[in-house]
Amino acid sequence: MRLYVRSRRLLAACVLMAMLAAISAVSGTNMLTLVSRGDPVAVPYLLVLDAFIAVLAVGSLASPVPAMDRGDVGVVARARWLHLAGMGALGLVLVVAASLPRSGMGALEAGRAYLAWLGLALLAAGILRESLAAIGPLAGFFVIAWFGHPAGVPASWNWGQAPATVLTSWLVAVGLLAVGLLVCARRWRGELGLPRP
């Protein structure tokens, strides 16, 4: 029964991720305007949709029966890492494929942003729980909207909008992913004092 429920949830998450990628491909360069400190900040819809894909990849880890999973650190722990690797890779492929028709550099920028969103979602999942993974990317949007556009130009650390050639933005994206993975690994091993999933 537990495997059946997990399989259905995994399939639903994959379908939703593919739908979001299709919407991202169609939305093109449409912009969402966020207001921060009185200055409007334009964020491409695809950046928002890519964050949703990362949230689905991490949120799909939430167990339908967490009480049973707490007692298993062997098979379930390995399955959790395989699940995360598969869903994370699927999300990256979908994000890059949805952005590739616009430009190769755009696809690189979308892939970099996805890595950061995934890291933020993992960070929230590791500190709180997998079903609350959206809190990390929401906090990331706040940071980008408030601090990511000094003088109206994307900051060099802005993982969502800096040009693909800016090394600092890549370091931030990879750093967020590494921290998110580390926090999840520590939680899943029970080292943070938080309940395991």
N, C-alpha and C. Protein backbone atom coordinates (compact mmCIF):
# COMPACT_ATOMS: atom_id res chain seq x y z
N MET A 1 0.82 -1.19 0.00
CA MET A 1 0.00 0.00 0.00
C MET A 1 0.87 1.26 0.00
N ARG A 2 1.91 1.26 0.84
CA ARG A 2 2.78 2.43 0.94
C ARG A 2 3.48 2.68 -0.40
N LEU A 3 3.94 1.64 -1.07
CA LEU A 3 4.61 1.78 -2.36
C LEU A 3 3.64 2.30 -3.41
N TYR A 4 2.39 1.83 -3.38
CA TYR A 4 1.38 2.27 -4.33
C TYR A 4 1.11 3.76 -4.17
N VAL A 5 0.96 4.22 -2.93
CA VAL A 5 0.71 5.65 -2.68
C VAL A 5 1.88 6.48 -3.14
N ARG A 6 3.10 6.02 -2.84
CA ARG A 6 4.30 6.76 -3.26
C ARG A 6 4.38 6.82 -4.79
N SER A 7 4.08 5.72 -5.47
CA SER A 7 4.15 5.69 -6.93
C SER A 7 3.17 6.67 -7.55
N ARG A 8 1.98 6.73 -7.03
CA ARG A 8 0.98 7.67 -7.55
C ARG A 8 1.41 9.12 -7.32
N ARG A 9 1.95 9.41 -6.16
CA ARG A 9 2.42 10.77 -5.86
C ARG A 9 3.60 11.14 -6.74
N LEU A 10 4.49 10.20 -6.98
CA LEU A 10 5.64 10.45 -7.83
C LEU A 10 5.19 10.73 -9.26
N LEU A 11 4.27 9.94 -9.76
CA LEU A 11 3.76 10.14 -11.11
C LEU A 11 3.07 11.51 -11.22
N ALA A 12 2.27 11.87 -10.22
CA ALA A 12 1.59 13.17 -10.24
C ALA A 12 2.61 14.31 -10.23
N ALA A 13 3.66 14.19 -9.44
CA ALA A 13 4.69 15.23 -9.40
C ALA A 13 5.40 15.35 -10.75
N CYS A 14 5.70 14.23 -11.39
CA CYS A 14 6.35 14.26 -12.71
C CYS A 14 5.47 14.93 -13.74
N VAL A 15 4.19 14.61 -13.72
CA VAL A 15 3.25 15.22 -14.67
C VAL A 15 3.16 16.72 -14.43
N LEU A 16 3.06 17.14 -13.17
CA LEU A 16 2.99 18.57 -12.87
C LEU A 16 4.27 19.29 -13.29
N MET A 17 5.42 18.65 -13.07
CA MET A 17 6.69 19.26 -13.48
C MET A 17 6.72 19.45 -14.99
N ALA A 18 6.28 18.45 -15.74
CA ALA A 18 6.26 18.55 -17.20
C ALA A 18 5.29 19.64 -17.66
N MET A 19 4.15 19.75 -16.99
CA MET A 19 3.19 20.81 -17.35
C MET A 19 3.78 22.20 -17.08
N LEU A 20 4.45 22.36 -15.96
CA LEU A 20 5.08 23.65 -15.66
C LEU A 20 6.17 23.99 -16.66
N ALA A 21 6.94 22.99 -17.09
CA ALA A 21 7.97 23.22 -18.10
C ALA A 21 7.35 23.64 -19.42
N ALA A 22 6.23 23.02 -19.79
CA ALA A 22 5.54 23.40 -21.02
C ALA A 22 5.02 24.84 -20.93
N ILE A 23 4.46 25.20 -19.79
CA ILE A 23 3.98 26.57 -19.60
C ILE A 23 5.16 27.54 -19.66
N SER A 24 6.27 27.15 -19.07
CA SER A 24 7.47 27.98 -19.10
C SER A 24 7.95 28.20 -20.52
N ALA A 25 7.92 27.15 -21.34
CA ALA A 25 8.35 27.27 -22.74
C ALA A 25 7.44 28.19 -23.52
N VAL A 26 6.14 28.14 -23.22
CA VAL A 26 5.17 28.96 -23.94
C VAL A 26 5.19 30.41 -23.46
N SER A 27 5.44 30.61 -22.16
CA SER A 27 5.37 31.97 -21.61
C SER A 27 6.46 32.88 -22.19
N GLY A 28 7.52 32.30 -22.72
CA GLY A 28 8.55 33.09 -23.37
C GLY A 28 9.19 34.10 -22.44
N THR A 29 9.16 35.34 -22.87
CA THR A 29 9.83 36.39 -22.10
C THR A 29 8.85 37.23 -21.30
N ASN A 30 7.64 36.73 -21.07
CA ASN A 30 6.67 37.47 -20.26
C ASN A 30 7.25 37.72 -18.87
N MET A 31 6.94 38.87 -18.33
CA MET A 31 7.53 39.27 -17.06
C MET A 31 6.47 39.44 -15.98
N LEU A 32 6.86 39.11 -14.77
CA LEU A 32 6.07 39.34 -13.57
C LEU A 32 6.73 40.50 -12.84
N THR A 33 5.94 41.50 -12.47
CA THR A 33 6.51 42.67 -11.81
C THR A 33 6.30 42.56 -10.30
N LEU A 34 7.40 42.59 -9.58
CA LEU A 34 7.38 42.59 -8.12
C LEU A 34 7.76 43.99 -7.65
N VAL A 35 7.16 44.43 -6.58
CA VAL A 35 7.48 45.75 -6.06
C VAL A 35 8.29 45.57 -4.78
N SER A 36 9.45 46.18 -4.76
CA SER A 36 10.29 46.11 -3.56
C SER A 36 10.83 47.49 -3.27
N ARG A 37 10.69 47.90 -2.07
CA ARG A 37 11.18 49.22 -1.64
C ARG A 37 10.75 50.33 -2.59
N GLY A 38 9.58 50.18 -3.21
CA GLY A 38 9.06 51.20 -4.09
C GLY A 38 9.52 51.08 -5.53
N ASP A 39 10.56 50.30 -5.80
CA ASP A 39 11.06 50.13 -7.16
C ASP A 39 10.53 48.83 -7.73
N PRO A 40 9.85 48.88 -8.88
CA PRO A 40 9.37 47.63 -9.47
C PRO A 40 10.52 46.81 -10.02
N VAL A 41 10.44 45.50 -9.82
CA VAL A 41 11.46 44.58 -10.32
C VAL A 41 10.75 43.59 -11.24
N ALA A 42 11.20 43.50 -12.48
CA ALA A 42 10.61 42.58 -13.44
C ALA A 42 11.33 41.23 -13.37
N VAL A 43 10.55 40.18 -13.14
CA VAL A 43 11.09 38.82 -13.05
C VAL A 43 10.40 37.98 -14.12
N PRO A 44 11.15 37.26 -14.95
CA PRO A 44 10.50 36.44 -15.97
C PRO A 44 9.65 35.34 -15.34
N TYR A 45 8.49 35.08 -15.96
CA TYR A 45 7.62 34.01 -15.47
C TYR A 45 8.38 32.68 -15.40
N LEU A 46 9.26 32.47 -16.36
CA LEU A 46 9.97 31.18 -16.37
C LEU A 46 10.81 30.99 -15.13
N LEU A 47 11.29 32.08 -14.52
CA LEU A 47 12.05 31.97 -13.28
C LEU A 47 11.15 31.47 -12.15
N VAL A 48 9.93 31.98 -12.12
CA VAL A 48 8.96 31.55 -11.11
C VAL A 48 8.57 30.09 -11.34
N LEU A 49 8.30 29.75 -12.59
CA LEU A 49 7.89 28.38 -12.91
C LEU A 49 9.01 27.38 -12.61
N ASP A 50 10.25 27.78 -12.87
CA ASP A 50 11.39 26.91 -12.55
C ASP A 50 11.49 26.66 -11.05
N ALA A 51 11.17 27.68 -10.26
CA ALA A 51 11.18 27.49 -8.81
C ALA A 51 10.09 26.51 -8.39
N PHE A 52 8.93 26.57 -9.03
CA PHE A 52 7.85 25.62 -8.74
C PHE A 52 8.27 24.20 -9.08
N ILE A 53 9.01 24.04 -10.17
CA ILE A 53 9.49 22.70 -10.56
C ILE A 53 10.43 22.16 -9.48
N ALA A 54 11.32 23.01 -8.97
CA ALA A 54 12.24 22.58 -7.91
C ALA A 54 11.46 22.21 -6.64
N VAL A 55 10.43 22.97 -6.33
CA VAL A 55 9.61 22.67 -5.15
C VAL A 55 8.91 21.32 -5.32
N LEU A 56 8.42 21.05 -6.51
CA LEU A 56 7.79 19.74 -6.75
C LEU A 56 8.80 18.60 -6.62
N ALA A 57 10.00 18.81 -7.12
CA ALA A 57 11.03 17.77 -7.03
C ALA A 57 11.33 17.42 -5.58
N VAL A 58 11.41 18.42 -4.72
CA VAL A 58 11.70 18.18 -3.31
C VAL A 58 10.44 17.79 -2.54
N GLY A 59 9.35 18.46 -2.83
CA GLY A 59 8.10 18.17 -2.12
C GLY A 59 7.60 16.76 -2.35
N SER A 60 7.97 16.17 -3.49
CA SER A 60 7.53 14.80 -3.77
C SER A 60 8.19 13.79 -2.83
N LEU A 61 9.20 14.23 -2.07
CA LEU A 61 9.83 13.37 -1.08
C LEU A 61 8.98 13.18 0.17
N ALA A 62 8.00 14.06 0.36
CA ALA A 62 7.17 13.98 1.57
C ALA A 62 6.50 12.62 1.62
N SER A 63 6.60 11.97 2.74
CA SER A 63 6.07 10.63 2.90
C SER A 63 4.59 10.65 3.24
N PRO A 64 3.81 9.76 2.61
CA PRO A 64 2.40 9.66 2.99
C PRO A 64 2.23 8.98 4.35
N VAL A 65 3.24 8.27 4.81
CA VAL A 65 3.19 7.59 6.11
C VAL A 65 4.51 7.84 6.86
N PRO A 66 4.74 9.07 7.32
CA PRO A 66 6.03 9.39 7.94
C PRO A 66 6.33 8.59 9.20
N ALA A 67 5.31 8.18 9.94
CA ALA A 67 5.55 7.43 11.17
C ALA A 67 6.23 6.10 10.85
N MET A 68 5.86 5.46 9.75
CA MET A 68 6.49 4.19 9.38
C MET A 68 7.92 4.41 8.86
N ASP A 69 8.14 5.52 8.16
CA ASP A 69 9.46 5.78 7.59
C ASP A 69 10.50 6.12 8.64
N ARG A 70 10.08 6.64 9.78
CA ARG A 70 11.06 7.03 10.80
C ARG A 70 11.87 5.85 11.31
N GLY A 71 11.30 4.69 11.28
CA GLY A 71 12.01 3.52 11.81
C GLY A 71 12.94 2.86 10.82
N ASP A 72 12.91 3.26 9.56
CA ASP A 72 13.73 2.60 8.54
C ASP A 72 14.81 3.54 8.06
N VAL A 73 16.05 3.21 8.35
CA VAL A 73 17.15 4.05 7.90
C VAL A 73 17.95 3.39 6.78
N GLY A 74 17.61 2.18 6.41
CA GLY A 74 18.36 1.47 5.38
C GLY A 74 17.76 1.65 4.01
N VAL A 75 16.78 0.83 3.68
CA VAL A 75 16.20 0.82 2.34
C VAL A 75 15.52 2.15 2.03
N VAL A 76 14.76 2.67 2.96
CA VAL A 76 14.04 3.92 2.71
C VAL A 76 15.02 5.08 2.55
N ALA A 77 16.09 5.10 3.32
CA ALA A 77 17.07 6.18 3.20
C ALA A 77 17.72 6.16 1.82
N ARG A 78 18.09 4.98 1.33
CA ARG A 78 18.67 4.89 -0.01
C ARG A 78 17.66 5.28 -1.08
N ALA A 79 16.42 4.84 -0.90
CA ALA A 79 15.37 5.17 -1.86
C ALA A 79 15.12 6.67 -1.89
N ARG A 80 15.22 7.31 -0.74
CA ARG A 80 15.01 8.77 -0.68
C ARG A 80 16.07 9.49 -1.51
N TRP A 81 17.34 9.06 -1.39
CA TRP A 81 18.40 9.70 -2.17
C TRP A 81 18.23 9.43 -3.66
N LEU A 82 17.85 8.21 -4.02
CA LEU A 82 17.61 7.90 -5.44
C LEU A 82 16.45 8.71 -5.98
N HIS A 83 15.40 8.83 -5.18
CA HIS A 83 14.24 9.64 -5.57
C HIS A 83 14.65 11.08 -5.80
N LEU A 84 15.42 11.64 -4.88
CA LEU A 84 15.85 13.03 -4.99
C LEU A 84 16.74 13.21 -6.23
N ALA A 85 17.65 12.29 -6.46
CA ALA A 85 18.53 12.40 -7.63
C ALA A 85 17.72 12.34 -8.92
N GLY A 86 16.78 11.42 -9.00
CA GLY A 86 15.97 11.28 -10.20
C GLY A 86 15.08 12.49 -10.45
N MET A 87 14.38 12.93 -9.41
CA MET A 87 13.49 14.08 -9.58
C MET A 87 14.28 15.37 -9.81
N GLY A 88 15.40 15.51 -9.14
CA GLY A 88 16.23 16.70 -9.35
C GLY A 88 16.76 16.76 -10.77
N ALA A 89 17.23 15.62 -11.28
CA ALA A 89 17.73 15.57 -12.66
C ALA A 89 16.60 15.80 -13.66
N LEU A 90 15.45 15.21 -13.42
CA LEU A 90 14.30 15.43 -14.31
C LEU A 90 13.94 16.90 -14.35
N GLY A 91 13.90 17.55 -13.20
CA GLY A 91 13.59 18.97 -13.15
C GLY A 91 14.60 19.80 -13.93
N LEU A 92 15.88 19.48 -13.79
CA LEU A 92 16.92 20.22 -14.51
C LEU A 92 16.76 20.05 -16.01
N VAL A 93 16.51 18.83 -16.45
CA VAL A 93 16.32 18.57 -17.89
C VAL A 93 15.11 19.34 -18.41
N LEU A 94 14.01 19.33 -17.66
CA LEU A 94 12.80 20.03 -18.10
C LEU A 94 13.03 21.54 -18.17
N VAL A 95 13.70 22.10 -17.17
CA VAL A 95 13.95 23.54 -17.13
C VAL A 95 14.83 23.96 -18.30
N VAL A 96 15.91 23.23 -18.52
CA VAL A 96 16.83 23.58 -19.61
C VAL A 96 16.14 23.39 -20.96
N ALA A 97 15.40 22.30 -21.13
CA ALA A 97 14.70 22.05 -22.40
C ALA A 97 13.66 23.13 -22.68
N ALA A 98 12.97 23.60 -21.66
CA ALA A 98 11.96 24.65 -21.85
C ALA A 98 12.59 25.98 -22.24
N SER A 99 13.83 26.24 -21.81
CA SER A 99 14.50 27.51 -22.09
C SER A 99 15.38 27.46 -23.33
N LEU A 100 15.74 26.29 -23.76
CA LEU A 100 16.67 26.13 -24.88
C LEU A 100 16.19 26.77 -26.18
N PRO A 101 14.90 26.70 -26.53
CA PRO A 101 14.48 27.34 -27.79
C PRO A 101 14.73 28.85 -27.83
N ARG A 102 14.76 29.52 -26.68
CA ARG A 102 15.01 30.96 -26.67
C ARG A 102 16.48 31.27 -26.95
N SER A 103 17.37 30.60 -26.23
CA SER A 103 18.81 30.78 -26.45
C SER A 103 19.59 29.81 -25.58
N GLY A 104 20.79 29.49 -26.00
CA GLY A 104 21.64 28.62 -25.22
C GLY A 104 22.05 29.26 -23.91
N MET A 105 22.33 30.56 -23.94
CA MET A 105 22.70 31.27 -22.70
C MET A 105 21.51 31.33 -21.75
N GLY A 106 20.32 31.51 -22.31
CA GLY A 106 19.11 31.51 -21.49
C GLY A 106 18.90 30.17 -20.80
N ALA A 107 19.23 29.09 -21.52
CA ALA A 107 19.10 27.75 -20.94
C ALA A 107 20.10 27.57 -19.80
N LEU A 108 21.31 28.10 -19.96
CA LEU A 108 22.31 28.03 -18.89
C LEU A 108 21.85 28.82 -17.67
N GLU A 109 21.29 30.00 -17.90
CA GLU A 109 20.80 30.82 -16.79
C GLU A 109 19.65 30.12 -16.08
N ALA A 110 18.76 29.50 -16.85
CA ALA A 110 17.62 28.78 -16.24
C ALA A 110 18.12 27.59 -15.43
N GLY A 111 19.11 26.87 -15.96
CA GLY A 111 19.68 25.74 -15.22
C GLY A 111 20.34 26.18 -13.94
N ARG A 112 21.05 27.29 -13.99
CA ARG A 112 21.69 27.82 -12.78
C ARG A 112 20.65 28.22 -11.74
N ALA A 113 19.60 28.90 -12.20
CA ALA A 113 18.53 29.31 -11.28
C ALA A 113 17.86 28.09 -10.67
N TYR A 114 17.65 27.06 -11.47
CA TYR A 114 17.01 25.84 -10.95
C TYR A 114 17.86 25.21 -9.85
N LEU A 115 19.17 25.18 -10.03
CA LEU A 115 20.04 24.62 -8.99
C LEU A 115 19.90 25.39 -7.68
N ALA A 116 19.79 26.72 -7.78
CA ALA A 116 19.61 27.53 -6.57
C ALA A 116 18.25 27.28 -5.94
N TRP A 117 17.19 27.24 -6.77
CA TRP A 117 15.85 26.97 -6.23
C TRP A 117 15.80 25.61 -5.57
N LEU A 118 16.42 24.61 -6.20
CA LEU A 118 16.46 23.27 -5.63
C LEU A 118 17.18 23.29 -4.29
N GLY A 119 18.29 24.00 -4.22
CA GLY A 119 19.01 24.12 -2.96
C GLY A 119 18.18 24.78 -1.87
N LEU A 120 17.47 25.85 -2.23
CA LEU A 120 16.62 26.53 -1.25
C LEU A 120 15.46 25.64 -0.81
N ALA A 121 14.89 24.88 -1.74
CA ALA A 121 13.81 23.95 -1.38
C ALA A 121 14.33 22.85 -0.47
N LEU A 122 15.52 22.35 -0.74
CA LEU A 122 16.13 21.33 0.12
C LEU A 122 16.45 21.89 1.50
N LEU A 123 16.88 23.13 1.54
CA LEU A 123 17.18 23.77 2.82
C LEU A 123 15.92 23.85 3.67
N ALA A 124 14.82 24.28 3.06
CA ALA A 124 13.55 24.35 3.80
C ALA A 124 13.09 22.96 4.21
N ALA A 125 13.26 21.98 3.33
CA ALA A 125 12.86 20.61 3.65
C ALA A 125 13.70 20.05 4.79
N GLY A 126 14.98 20.37 4.80
CA GLY A 126 15.86 19.88 5.85
C GLY A 126 15.60 20.52 7.19
N ILE A 127 15.26 21.80 7.19
CA ILE A 127 15.02 22.50 8.45
C ILE A 127 13.60 22.25 8.95
N LEU A 128 12.64 22.24 8.04
CA LEU A 128 11.24 22.07 8.43
C LEU A 128 10.78 20.65 8.09
N ARG A 129 10.29 20.47 6.88
CA ARG A 129 9.95 19.14 6.35
C ARG A 129 9.68 19.29 4.87
N GLU A 130 9.65 18.17 4.17
CA GLU A 130 9.56 18.17 2.72
C GLU A 130 8.29 18.86 2.21
N SER A 131 7.20 18.72 2.91
CA SER A 131 5.95 19.34 2.45
C SER A 131 5.97 20.86 2.54
N LEU A 132 6.97 21.42 3.22
CA LEU A 132 7.11 22.88 3.33
C LEU A 132 8.28 23.39 2.50
N ALA A 133 8.67 22.65 1.48
CA ALA A 133 9.83 23.01 0.66
C ALA A 133 9.66 24.35 -0.05
N ALA A 134 8.45 24.78 -0.28
CA ALA A 134 8.22 26.04 -1.00
C ALA A 134 8.70 27.26 -0.22
N ILE A 135 8.86 27.14 1.07
CA ILE A 135 9.28 28.29 1.88
C ILE A 135 10.67 28.78 1.47
N GLY A 136 11.57 27.87 1.12
CA GLY A 136 12.92 28.27 0.71
C GLY A 136 12.92 29.14 -0.54
N PRO A 137 12.32 28.69 -1.64
CA PRO A 137 12.27 29.55 -2.82
C PRO A 137 11.50 30.85 -2.61
N LEU A 138 10.45 30.83 -1.78
CA LEU A 138 9.75 32.08 -1.49
C LEU A 138 10.68 33.08 -0.82
N ALA A 139 11.49 32.60 0.11
CA ALA A 139 12.48 33.48 0.74
C ALA A 139 13.50 33.96 -0.29
N GLY A 140 13.85 33.08 -1.23
CA GLY A 140 14.78 33.46 -2.30
C GLY A 140 14.22 34.57 -3.19
N PHE A 141 12.93 34.50 -3.49
CA PHE A 141 12.30 35.57 -4.28
C PHE A 141 12.35 36.89 -3.52
N PHE A 142 12.13 36.84 -2.23
CA PHE A 142 12.21 38.05 -1.41
C PHE A 142 13.61 38.65 -1.50
N VAL A 143 14.64 37.81 -1.38
CA VAL A 143 16.03 38.29 -1.44
C VAL A 143 16.32 38.91 -2.80
N ILE A 144 15.89 38.22 -3.88
CA ILE A 144 16.14 38.76 -5.22
C ILE A 144 15.39 40.07 -5.44
N ALA A 145 14.12 40.13 -5.01
CA ALA A 145 13.32 41.32 -5.23
C ALA A 145 13.86 42.52 -4.45
N TRP A 146 14.34 42.29 -3.23
CA TRP A 146 14.79 43.40 -2.39
C TRP A 146 16.24 43.80 -2.62
N PHE A 147 17.10 42.82 -2.87
CA PHE A 147 18.53 43.13 -2.90
C PHE A 147 19.21 42.77 -4.22
N GLY A 148 18.52 42.10 -5.11
CA GLY A 148 19.17 41.56 -6.32
C GLY A 148 19.29 42.48 -7.50
N HIS A 149 18.81 43.75 -7.36
CA HIS A 149 18.85 44.67 -8.50
C HIS A 149 19.35 46.06 -8.08
N PRO A 150 20.56 46.16 -7.59
CA PRO A 150 21.04 47.51 -7.25
C PRO A 150 21.17 48.35 -8.52
N ALA A 151 20.67 49.54 -8.47
CA ALA A 151 20.72 50.47 -9.61
C ALA A 151 20.00 49.90 -10.83
N GLY A 152 19.02 49.01 -10.62
CA GLY A 152 18.23 48.48 -11.74
C GLY A 152 18.89 47.41 -12.57
N VAL A 153 20.06 46.96 -12.18
CA VAL A 153 20.80 45.92 -12.92
C VAL A 153 20.96 44.71 -12.00
N PRO A 154 20.79 43.48 -12.51
CA PRO A 154 20.97 42.31 -11.64
C PRO A 154 22.35 42.28 -10.99
N ALA A 155 22.38 42.02 -9.70
CA ALA A 155 23.64 41.91 -8.97
C ALA A 155 24.41 40.69 -9.47
N SER A 156 25.69 40.68 -9.25
CA SER A 156 26.51 39.57 -9.75
C SER A 156 26.17 38.25 -9.06
N TRP A 157 25.63 38.29 -7.85
CA TRP A 157 25.26 37.06 -7.13
C TRP A 157 23.86 36.60 -7.47
N ASN A 158 23.07 37.40 -8.17
CA ASN A 158 21.67 37.10 -8.47
C ASN A 158 21.58 35.86 -9.36
N TRP A 159 21.31 34.72 -8.74
CA TRP A 159 21.28 33.44 -9.45
C TRP A 159 20.17 33.36 -10.49
N GLY A 160 19.18 34.21 -10.40
CA GLY A 160 18.05 34.13 -11.32
C GLY A 160 18.19 34.99 -12.56
N GLN A 161 18.95 36.08 -12.47
CA GLN A 161 18.94 37.02 -13.58
C GLN A 161 20.30 37.53 -14.02
N ALA A 162 21.35 37.21 -13.31
CA ALA A 162 22.68 37.63 -13.77
C ALA A 162 23.02 36.88 -15.06
N PRO A 163 23.81 37.48 -15.92
CA PRO A 163 24.21 36.77 -17.14
C PRO A 163 24.91 35.45 -16.82
N ALA A 164 24.79 34.51 -17.72
CA ALA A 164 25.34 33.16 -17.50
C ALA A 164 26.86 33.18 -17.34
N THR A 165 27.51 34.22 -17.79
CA THR A 165 28.97 34.29 -17.72
C THR A 165 29.49 34.79 -16.38
N VAL A 166 28.61 35.19 -15.47
CA VAL A 166 29.04 35.74 -14.18
C VAL A 166 29.29 34.60 -13.20
N LEU A 167 30.53 34.43 -12.81
CA LEU A 167 30.94 33.32 -11.95
C LEU A 167 30.30 33.38 -10.57
N THR A 168 30.14 34.57 -10.01
CA THR A 168 29.59 34.70 -8.66
C THR A 168 28.21 34.07 -8.56
N SER A 169 27.38 34.28 -9.57
CA SER A 169 26.02 33.72 -9.54
C SER A 169 26.05 32.20 -9.56
N TRP A 170 27.01 31.62 -10.28
CA TRP A 170 27.16 30.16 -10.30
C TRP A 170 27.62 29.65 -8.94
N LEU A 171 28.54 30.37 -8.32
CA LEU A 171 29.01 29.96 -6.99
C LEU A 171 27.89 30.00 -5.97
N VAL A 172 27.04 31.03 -6.05
CA VAL A 172 25.90 31.13 -5.14
C VAL A 172 24.93 29.97 -5.38
N ALA A 173 24.63 29.68 -6.63
CA ALA A 173 23.68 28.61 -6.96
C ALA A 173 24.20 27.25 -6.48
N VAL A 174 25.44 26.95 -6.79
CA VAL A 174 26.02 25.67 -6.36
C VAL A 174 26.16 25.62 -4.85
N GLY A 175 26.50 26.76 -4.23
CA GLY A 175 26.59 26.82 -2.77
C GLY A 175 25.25 26.55 -2.11
N LEU A 176 24.17 27.15 -2.64
CA LEU A 176 22.84 26.90 -2.08
C LEU A 176 22.45 25.43 -2.22
N LEU A 177 22.78 24.84 -3.36
CA LEU A 177 22.48 23.42 -3.57
C LEU A 177 23.27 22.55 -2.57
N ALA A 178 24.55 22.86 -2.40
CA ALA A 178 25.38 22.07 -1.47
C ALA A 178 24.88 22.19 -0.04
N VAL A 179 24.53 23.40 0.39
CA VAL A 179 24.03 23.59 1.75
C VAL A 179 22.70 22.86 1.93
N GLY A 180 21.81 22.96 0.94
CA GLY A 180 20.53 22.26 1.02
C GLY A 180 20.71 20.75 1.12
N LEU A 181 21.61 20.19 0.33
CA LEU A 181 21.88 18.75 0.39
C LEU A 181 22.46 18.36 1.75
N LEU A 182 23.37 19.16 2.27
CA LEU A 182 23.99 18.87 3.56
C LEU A 182 22.96 18.90 4.69
N VAL A 183 22.10 19.91 4.70
CA VAL A 183 21.08 20.01 5.75
C VAL A 183 20.12 18.84 5.68
N CYS A 184 19.70 18.47 4.45
CA CYS A 184 18.80 17.31 4.31
C CYS A 184 19.49 16.02 4.75
N ALA A 185 20.74 15.86 4.37
CA ALA A 185 21.47 14.65 4.76
C ALA A 185 21.56 14.55 6.28
N ARG A 186 21.85 15.65 6.93
CA ARG A 186 21.96 15.63 8.40
C ARG A 186 20.61 15.35 9.04
N ARG A 187 19.55 15.90 8.48
CA ARG A 187 18.22 15.65 9.06
C ARG A 187 17.83 14.19 8.85
N TRP A 188 18.06 13.69 7.66
CA TRP A 188 17.67 12.32 7.36
C TRP A 188 18.46 11.31 8.19
N ARG A 189 19.64 11.70 8.65
CA ARG A 189 20.41 10.83 9.55
C ARG A 189 20.08 11.10 11.01
N GLY A 190 19.26 12.12 11.27
CA GLY A 190 18.85 12.42 12.64
C GLY A 190 19.83 13.27 13.41
N GLU A 191 20.80 13.92 12.73
CA GLU A 191 21.84 14.68 13.41
C GLU A 191 21.40 16.07 13.85
N LEU A 192 20.31 16.58 13.34
CA LEU A 192 19.89 17.94 13.68
C LEU A 192 18.97 18.00 14.88
N GLY A 193 18.62 16.84 15.44
CA GLY A 193 17.70 16.82 16.55
C GLY A 193 16.25 16.99 16.13
N LEU A 194 16.03 17.06 14.82
CA LEU A 194 14.67 17.18 14.29
C LEU A 194 14.15 15.79 13.99
N PRO A 195 12.84 15.60 13.97
CA PRO A 195 12.32 14.29 13.64
C PRO A 195 12.67 13.92 12.20
N ARG A 196 13.09 12.69 12.00
CA ARG A 196 13.35 12.23 10.65
C ARG A 196 12.03 12.07 9.91
N PRO A 197 12.05 12.15 8.56
CA PRO A 197 10.81 11.98 7.83
C PRO A 197 10.24 10.59 7.98
